[in-house]
């Protein structure tokens, strides 16, 4: 009978533990997700800007090289 009671108590504890793992995100989780999305968007924009600047710098370098050729 003691093993049965222990098993029942273990199953109840497991059930309560799993009940606490809901899919409903709290306000802190939602805020964290918004921050993550904002940071990812900012990183993408910075990457695009540096790519554009790199291309423009390369073009300027080519122009300087062409103008200094004899």
PDB file of N, CA and C in Angstrom:
ATOM      1  N   UNK A   1       0.817  -1.186   0.000  1.00  0.00           N
ATOM      2  CA  UNK A   1       0.000   0.000   0.000  1.00  0.00           C
ATOM      3  C   UNK A   1       0.871   1.264   0.000  1.00  0.00           C
ATOM      4  N   UNK A   2       2.020   1.241   0.614  1.00  0.00           N
ATOM      5  CA  UNK A   2       2.894   2.403   0.672  1.00  0.00           C
ATOM      6  C   UNK A   2       3.449   2.731  -0.714  1.00  0.00           C
ATOM      7  N   UNK A   3       3.813   1.727  -1.477  1.00  0.00           N
ATOM      8  CA  UNK A   3       4.321   1.954  -2.830  1.00  0.00           C
ATOM      9  C   UNK A   3       3.229   2.563  -3.708  1.00  0.00           C
ATOM     10  N   UNK A   4       2.008   2.104  -3.512  1.00  0.00           N
ATOM     11  CA  UNK A   4       0.892   2.635  -4.296  1.00  0.00           C
ATOM     12  C   UNK A   4       0.664   4.108  -3.955  1.00  0.00           C
ATOM     13  N   UNK A   5       0.708   4.463  -2.694  1.00  0.00           N
ATOM     14  CA  UNK A   5       0.536   5.857  -2.274  1.00  0.00           C
ATOM     15  C   UNK A   5       1.673   6.733  -2.818  1.00  0.00           C
ATOM     16  N   UNK A   6       2.878   6.188  -2.799  1.00  0.00           N
ATOM     17  CA  UNK A   6       4.018   6.939  -3.321  1.00  0.00           C
ATOM     18  C   UNK A   6       3.861   7.166  -4.820  1.00  0.00           C
ATOM     19  N   UNK A   7       3.383   6.161  -5.536  1.00  0.00           N
ATOM     20  CA  UNK A   7       3.165   6.282  -6.974  1.00  0.00           C
ATOM     21  C   UNK A   7       2.075   7.312  -7.271  1.00  0.00           C
ATOM     22  N   UNK A   8       1.016   7.292  -6.509  1.00  0.00           N
ATOM     23  CA  UNK A   8      -0.065   8.267  -6.687  1.00  0.00           C
ATOM     24  C   UNK A   8       0.449   9.684  -6.419  1.00  0.00           C
ATOM     25  N   UNK A   9       1.220   9.852  -5.357  1.00  0.00           N
ATOM     26  CA  UNK A   9       1.772  11.168  -5.027  1.00  0.00           C
ATOM     27  C   UNK A   9       2.715  11.645  -6.131  1.00  0.00           C
ATOM     28  N   UNK A  10       3.516  10.732  -6.668  1.00  0.00           N
ATOM     29  CA  UNK A  10       4.439  11.080  -7.743  1.00  0.00           C
ATOM     30  C   UNK A  10       3.683  11.502  -9.003  1.00  0.00           C
ATOM     31  N   UNK A  11       2.631  10.783  -9.328  1.00  0.00           N
ATOM     32  CA  UNK A  11       1.831  11.107 -10.509  1.00  0.00           C
ATOM     33  C   UNK A  11       1.134  12.460 -10.343  1.00  0.00           C
ATOM     34  N   UNK A  12       0.665  12.746  -9.139  1.00  0.00           N
ATOM     35  CA  UNK A  12       0.017  14.034  -8.884  1.00  0.00           C
ATOM     36  C   UNK A  12       1.028  15.173  -9.007  1.00  0.00           C
ATOM     37  N   UNK A  13       2.223  14.965  -8.469  1.00  0.00           N
ATOM     38  CA  UNK A  13       3.264  15.991  -8.551  1.00  0.00           C
ATOM     39  C   UNK A  13       3.655  16.233 -10.008  1.00  0.00           C
ATOM     40  N   UNK A  14       3.768  15.166 -10.778  1.00  0.00           N
ATOM     41  CA  UNK A  14       4.099  15.298 -12.193  1.00  0.00           C
ATOM     42  C   UNK A  14       2.993  16.046 -12.935  1.00  0.00           C
ATOM     43  N   UNK A  15       1.753  15.729 -12.619  1.00  0.00           N
ATOM     44  CA  UNK A  15       0.622  16.417 -13.253  1.00  0.00           C
ATOM     45  C   UNK A  15       0.610  17.895 -12.940  1.00  0.00           C
ATOM     46  N   UNK A  16       0.892  18.260 -11.706  1.00  0.00           N
ATOM     47  CA  UNK A  16       0.936  19.677 -11.329  1.00  0.00           C
ATOM     48  C   UNK A  16       2.106  20.392 -11.997  1.00  0.00           C
ATOM     49  N   UNK A  17       3.216  19.693 -12.123  1.00  0.00           N
ATOM     50  CA  UNK A  17       4.383  20.279 -12.776  1.00  0.00           C
ATOM     51  C   UNK A  17       4.080  20.578 -14.234  1.00  0.00           C
ATOM     52  N   UNK A  18       3.472  19.632 -14.916  1.00  0.00           N
ATOM     53  CA  UNK A  18       3.146  19.832 -16.325  1.00  0.00           C
ATOM     54  C   UNK A  18       2.056  20.886 -16.514  1.00  0.00           C
ATOM     55  N   UNK A  19       1.175  21.020 -15.558  1.00  0.00           N
ATOM     56  CA  UNK A  19       0.120  22.032 -15.654  1.00  0.00           C
ATOM     57  C   UNK A  19       0.714  23.435 -15.607  1.00  0.00           C
ATOM     58  N   UNK A  20       1.840  23.589 -14.939  1.00  0.00           N
ATOM     59  CA  UNK A  20       2.506  24.888 -14.858  1.00  0.00           C
ATOM     60  C   UNK A  20       3.212  25.280 -16.143  1.00  0.00           C
ATOM     61  N   UNK A  21       3.396  24.336 -17.038  1.00  0.00           N
ATOM     62  CA  UNK A  21       4.080  24.593 -18.313  1.00  0.00           C
ATOM     63  C   UNK A  21       3.063  24.886 -19.402  1.00  0.00           C
ATOM     64  N   UNK A  22       2.406  25.988 -19.308  1.00  0.00           N
ATOM     65  CA  UNK A  22       1.385  26.321 -20.301  1.00  0.00           C
ATOM     66  C   UNK A  22       2.012  27.078 -21.468  1.00  0.00           C
ATOM     67  N   UNK A  23       1.284  27.163 -22.566  1.00  0.00           N
ATOM     68  CA  UNK A  23       1.750  27.883 -23.743  1.00  0.00           C
ATOM     69  C   UNK A  23       1.451  29.371 -23.663  1.00  0.00           C
ATOM     70  N   UNK A  24       0.721  29.792 -22.675  1.00  0.00           N
ATOM     71  CA  UNK A  24       0.381  31.210 -22.537  1.00  0.00           C
ATOM     72  C   UNK A  24       1.601  31.975 -22.041  1.00  0.00           C
ATOM     73  N   UNK A  25       2.089  32.909 -22.879  1.00  0.00           N
ATOM     74  CA  UNK A  25       3.243  33.704 -22.493  1.00  0.00           C
ATOM     75  C   UNK A  25       2.797  34.874 -21.633  1.00  0.00           C
ATOM     76  N   UNK A  26       3.565  35.137 -20.610  1.00  0.00           N
ATOM     77  CA  UNK A  26       3.281  36.274 -19.754  1.00  0.00           C
ATOM     78  C   UNK A  26       3.794  37.558 -20.380  1.00  0.00           C
ATOM     79  N   UNK A  27       3.573  38.678 -19.723  1.00  0.00           N
ATOM     80  CA  UNK A  27       4.001  39.962 -20.279  1.00  0.00           C
ATOM     81  C   UNK A  27       5.520  40.075 -20.435  1.00  0.00           C
ATOM     82  N   UNK A  28       6.275  39.481 -19.532  1.00  0.00           N
ATOM     83  CA  UNK A  28       7.736  39.547 -19.647  1.00  0.00           C
ATOM     84  C   UNK A  28       8.215  38.759 -20.865  1.00  0.00           C
ATOM     85  N   UNK A  29       7.620  37.599 -21.099  1.00  0.00           N
ATOM     86  CA  UNK A  29       7.979  36.785 -22.263  1.00  0.00           C
ATOM     87  C   UNK A  29       7.630  37.520 -23.554  1.00  0.00           C
ATOM     88  N   UNK A  30       6.484  38.159 -23.590  1.00  0.00           N
ATOM     89  CA  UNK A  30       6.071  38.908 -24.780  1.00  0.00           C
ATOM     90  C   UNK A  30       6.998  40.094 -25.022  1.00  0.00           C
ATOM     91  N   UNK A  31       7.376  40.790 -23.959  1.00  0.00           N
ATOM     92  CA  UNK A  31       8.295  41.924 -24.095  1.00  0.00           C
ATOM     93  C   UNK A  31       9.653  41.445 -24.594  1.00  0.00           C
ATOM     94  N   UNK A  32      10.103  40.321 -24.075  1.00  0.00           N
ATOM     95  CA  UNK A  32      11.376  39.758 -24.526  1.00  0.00           C
ATOM     96  C   UNK A  32      11.353  39.396 -25.997  1.00  0.00           C
ATOM     97  N   UNK A  33      10.250  38.837 -26.458  1.00  0.00           N
ATOM     98  CA  UNK A  33      10.126  38.490 -27.875  1.00  0.00           C
ATOM     99  C   UNK A  33      10.135  39.743 -28.743  1.00  0.00           C
ATOM    100  N   UNK A  34       9.478  40.808 -28.278  1.00  0.00           N
ATOM    101  CA  UNK A  34       9.474  42.059 -29.041  1.00  0.00           C
ATOM    102  C   UNK A  34      10.877  42.653 -29.113  1.00  0.00           C
ATOM    103  N   UNK A  35      11.603  42.570 -28.014  1.00  0.00           N
ATOM    104  CA  UNK A  35      12.980  43.077 -28.002  1.00  0.00           C
ATOM    105  C   UNK A  35      13.836  42.267 -28.969  1.00  0.00           C
ATOM    106  N   UNK A  36      13.686  40.946 -28.947  1.00  0.00           N
ATOM    107  CA  UNK A  36      14.444  40.091 -29.864  1.00  0.00           C
ATOM    108  C   UNK A  36      14.160  40.448 -31.319  1.00  0.00           C
ATOM    109  N   UNK A  37      12.899  40.638 -31.650  1.00  0.00           N
ATOM    110  CA  UNK A  37      12.526  40.987 -33.021  1.00  0.00           C
ATOM    111  C   UNK A  37      13.107  42.345 -33.416  1.00  0.00           C
ATOM    112  N   UNK A  38      13.042  43.310 -32.508  1.00  0.00           N
ATOM    113  CA  UNK A  38      13.575  44.645 -32.795  1.00  0.00           C
ATOM    114  C   UNK A  38      15.079  44.597 -33.019  1.00  0.00           C
ATOM    115  N   UNK A  39      15.775  43.833 -32.190  1.00  0.00           N
ATOM    116  CA  UNK A  39      17.223  43.720 -32.329  1.00  0.00           C
ATOM    117  C   UNK A  39      17.592  43.027 -33.639  1.00  0.00           C
ATOM    118  N   UNK A  40      16.840  42.024 -34.020  1.00  0.00           N
ATOM    119  CA  UNK A  40      17.114  41.322 -35.273  1.00  0.00           C
ATOM    120  C   UNK A  40      16.890  42.248 -36.469  1.00  0.00           C
ATOM    121  N   UNK A  41      15.808  43.024 -36.435  1.00  0.00           N
ATOM    122  CA  UNK A  41      15.538  43.980 -37.513  1.00  0.00           C
ATOM    123  C   UNK A  41      16.638  45.037 -37.593  1.00  0.00           C
ATOM    124  N   UNK A  42      17.080  45.531 -36.445  1.00  0.00           N
ATOM    125  CA  UNK A  42      18.142  46.539 -36.428  1.00  0.00           C
ATOM    126  C   UNK A  42      19.429  45.954 -36.999  1.00  0.00           C
ATOM    127  N   UNK A  43      19.740  44.727 -36.639  1.00  0.00           N
ATOM    128  CA  UNK A  43      20.933  44.069 -37.176  1.00  0.00           C
ATOM    129  C   UNK A  43      20.859  43.906 -38.681  1.00  0.00           C
ATOM    130  N   UNK A  44      19.690  43.542 -39.187  1.00  0.00           N
ATOM    131  CA  UNK A  44      19.513  43.396 -40.635  1.00  0.00           C
ATOM    132  C   UNK A  44      19.707  44.733 -41.346  1.00  0.00           C
ATOM    133  N   UNK A  45      19.158  45.799 -40.770  1.00  0.00           N
ATOM    134  CA  UNK A  45      19.292  47.124 -41.375  1.00  0.00           C
ATOM    135  C   UNK A  45      20.744  47.591 -41.366  1.00  0.00           C
ATOM    136  N   UNK A  46      21.457  47.317 -40.284  1.00  0.00           N
ATOM    137  CA  UNK A  46      22.873  47.690 -40.211  1.00  0.00           C
ATOM    138  C   UNK A  46      23.666  46.916 -41.254  1.00  0.00           C
ATOM    139  N   UNK A  47      23.362  45.648 -41.406  1.00  0.00           N
ATOM    140  CA  UNK A  47      24.058  44.826 -42.394  1.00  0.00           C
ATOM    141  C   UNK A  47      23.819  45.356 -43.811  1.00  0.00           C
ATOM    142  N   UNK A  48      22.581  45.726 -44.112  1.00  0.00           N
ATOM    143  CA  UNK A  48      22.266  46.280 -45.431  1.00  0.00           C
ATOM    144  C   UNK A  48      23.016  47.594 -45.663  1.00  0.00           C
ATOM    145  N   UNK A  49      23.056  48.440 -44.635  1.00  0.00           N
ATOM    146  CA  UNK A  49      23.731  49.733 -44.769  1.00  0.00           C
ATOM    147  C   UNK A  49      25.226  49.545 -45.001  1.00  0.00           C
ATOM    148  N   UNK A  50      25.847  48.620 -44.284  1.00  0.00           N
ATOM    149  CA  UNK A  50      27.282  48.399 -44.472  1.00  0.00           C
ATOM    150  C   UNK A  50      27.565  47.786 -45.834  1.00  0.00           C
ATOM    151  N   UNK A  51      26.672  46.944 -46.329  1.00  0.00           N
ATOM    152  CA  UNK A  51      26.844  46.389 -47.675  1.00  0.00           C
ATOM    153  C   UNK A  51      26.788  47.502 -48.718  1.00  0.00           C
ATOM    154  N   UNK A  52      25.831  48.412 -48.565  1.00  0.00           N
ATOM    155  CA  UNK A  52      25.709  49.536 -49.498  1.00  0.00           C
ATOM    156  C   UNK A  52      26.944  50.428 -49.437  1.00  0.00           C
ATOM    157  N   UNK A  53      27.409  50.727 -48.226  1.00  0.00           N
ATOM    158  CA  UNK A  53      28.582  51.583 -48.072  1.00  0.00           C
ATOM    159  C   UNK A  53      29.814  50.907 -48.650  1.00  0.00           C
ATOM    160  N   UNK A  54      29.914  49.599 -48.469  1.00  0.00           N
ATOM    161  CA  UNK A  54      31.057  48.876 -49.016  1.00  0.00           C
ATOM    162  C   UNK A  54      31.074  48.940 -50.531  1.00  0.00           C
ATOM    163  N   UNK A  55      29.911  48.805 -51.150  1.00  0.00           N
ATOM    164  CA  UNK A  55      29.819  48.889 -52.604  1.00  0.00           C
ATOM    165  C   UNK A  55      30.178  50.273 -53.109  1.00  0.00           C
ATOM    166  N   UNK A  56      29.693  51.293 -52.430  1.00  0.00           N
ATOM    167  CA  UNK A  56      29.993  52.669 -52.820  1.00  0.00           C
ATOM    168  C   UNK A  56      31.473  52.974 -52.634  1.00  0.00           C
ATOM    169  N   UNK A  57      32.066  52.489 -51.558  1.00  0.00           N
ATOM    170  CA  UNK A  57      33.487  52.721 -51.313  1.00  0.00           C
ATOM    171  C   UNK A  57      34.322  52.034 -52.391  1.00  0.00           C
ATOM    172  N   UNK A  58      33.903  50.859 -52.803  1.00  0.00           N
ATOM    173  CA  UNK A  58      34.628  50.146 -53.855  1.00  0.00           C
ATOM    174  C   UNK A  58      34.549  50.917 -55.172  1.00  0.00           C
ATOM    175  N   UNK A  59      33.370  51.450 -55.486  1.00  0.00           N
ATOM    176  CA  UNK A  59      33.204  52.246 -56.704  1.00  0.00           C
ATOM    177  C   UNK A  59      34.086  53.495 -56.657  1.00  0.00           C
ATOM    178  N   UNK A  60      34.136  54.155 -55.514  1.00  0.00           N
ATOM    179  CA  UNK A  60      34.970  55.347 -55.378  1.00  0.00           C
ATOM    180  C   UNK A  60      36.439  54.988 -55.548  1.00  0.00           C
ATOM    181  N   UNK A  61      36.832  53.862 -54.983  1.00  0.00           N
ATOM    182  CA  UNK A  61      38.216  53.414 -55.134  1.00  0.00           C
ATOM    183  C   UNK A  61      38.553  53.134 -56.582  1.00  0.00           C
ATOM    184  N   UNK A  62      37.620  52.526 -57.304  1.00  0.00           N
ATOM    185  CA  UNK A  62      37.838  52.262 -58.730  1.00  0.00           C
ATOM    186  C   UNK A  62      37.985  53.565 -59.503  1.00  0.00           C
ATOM    187  N   UNK A  63      37.154  54.562 -59.179  1.00  0.00           N
ATOM    188  CA  UNK A  63      37.233  55.857 -59.856  1.00  0.00           C
ATOM    189  C   UNK A  63      38.570  56.534 -59.589  1.00  0.00           C
ATOM    190  N   UNK A  64      39.035  56.469 -58.349  1.00  0.00           N
ATOM    191  CA  UNK A  64      40.324  57.071 -58.007  1.00  0.00           C
ATOM    192  C   UNK A  64      41.430  56.352 -58.763  1.00  0.00           C
ATOM    193  N   UNK A  65      41.354  55.052 -58.810  1.00  0.00           N
ATOM    194  CA  UNK A  65      42.377  54.273 -59.511  1.00  0.00           C
ATOM    195  C   UNK A  65      42.397  54.622 -61.001  1.00  0.00           C
ATOM    196  N   UNK A  66      41.218  54.753 -61.598  1.00  0.00           N
ATOM    197  CA  UNK A  66      41.141  55.098 -63.019  1.00  0.00           C
ATOM    198  C   UNK A  66      41.670  56.507 -63.282  1.00  0.00           C
ATOM    199  N   UNK A  67      41.395  57.416 -62.373  1.00  0.00           N
ATOM    200  CA  UNK A  67      41.833  58.801 -62.587  1.00  0.00           C
ATOM    201  C   UNK A  67      43.335  58.958 -62.387  1.00  0.00           C
ATOM    202  N   UNK A  68      43.970  58.054 -61.672  1.00  0.00           N
ATOM    203  CA  UNK A  68      45.414  58.151 -61.442  1.00  0.00           C
ATOM    204  C   UNK A  68      46.208  57.313 -62.424  1.00  0.00           C
ATOM    205  N   UNK A  69      45.544  56.549 -63.288  1.00  0.00           N
ATOM    206  CA  UNK A  69      46.254  55.768 -64.304  1.00  0.00           C
ATOM    207  C   UNK A  69      46.830  56.725 -65.347  1.00  0.00           C
ATOM    208  N   UNK A  70      48.018  56.433 -65.818  1.00  0.00           N
ATOM    209  CA  UNK A  70      48.665  57.298 -66.800  1.00  0.00           C
ATOM    210  C   UNK A  70      48.362  56.807 -68.165  1.00  0.00           C
TER     211      UNK A  70
END
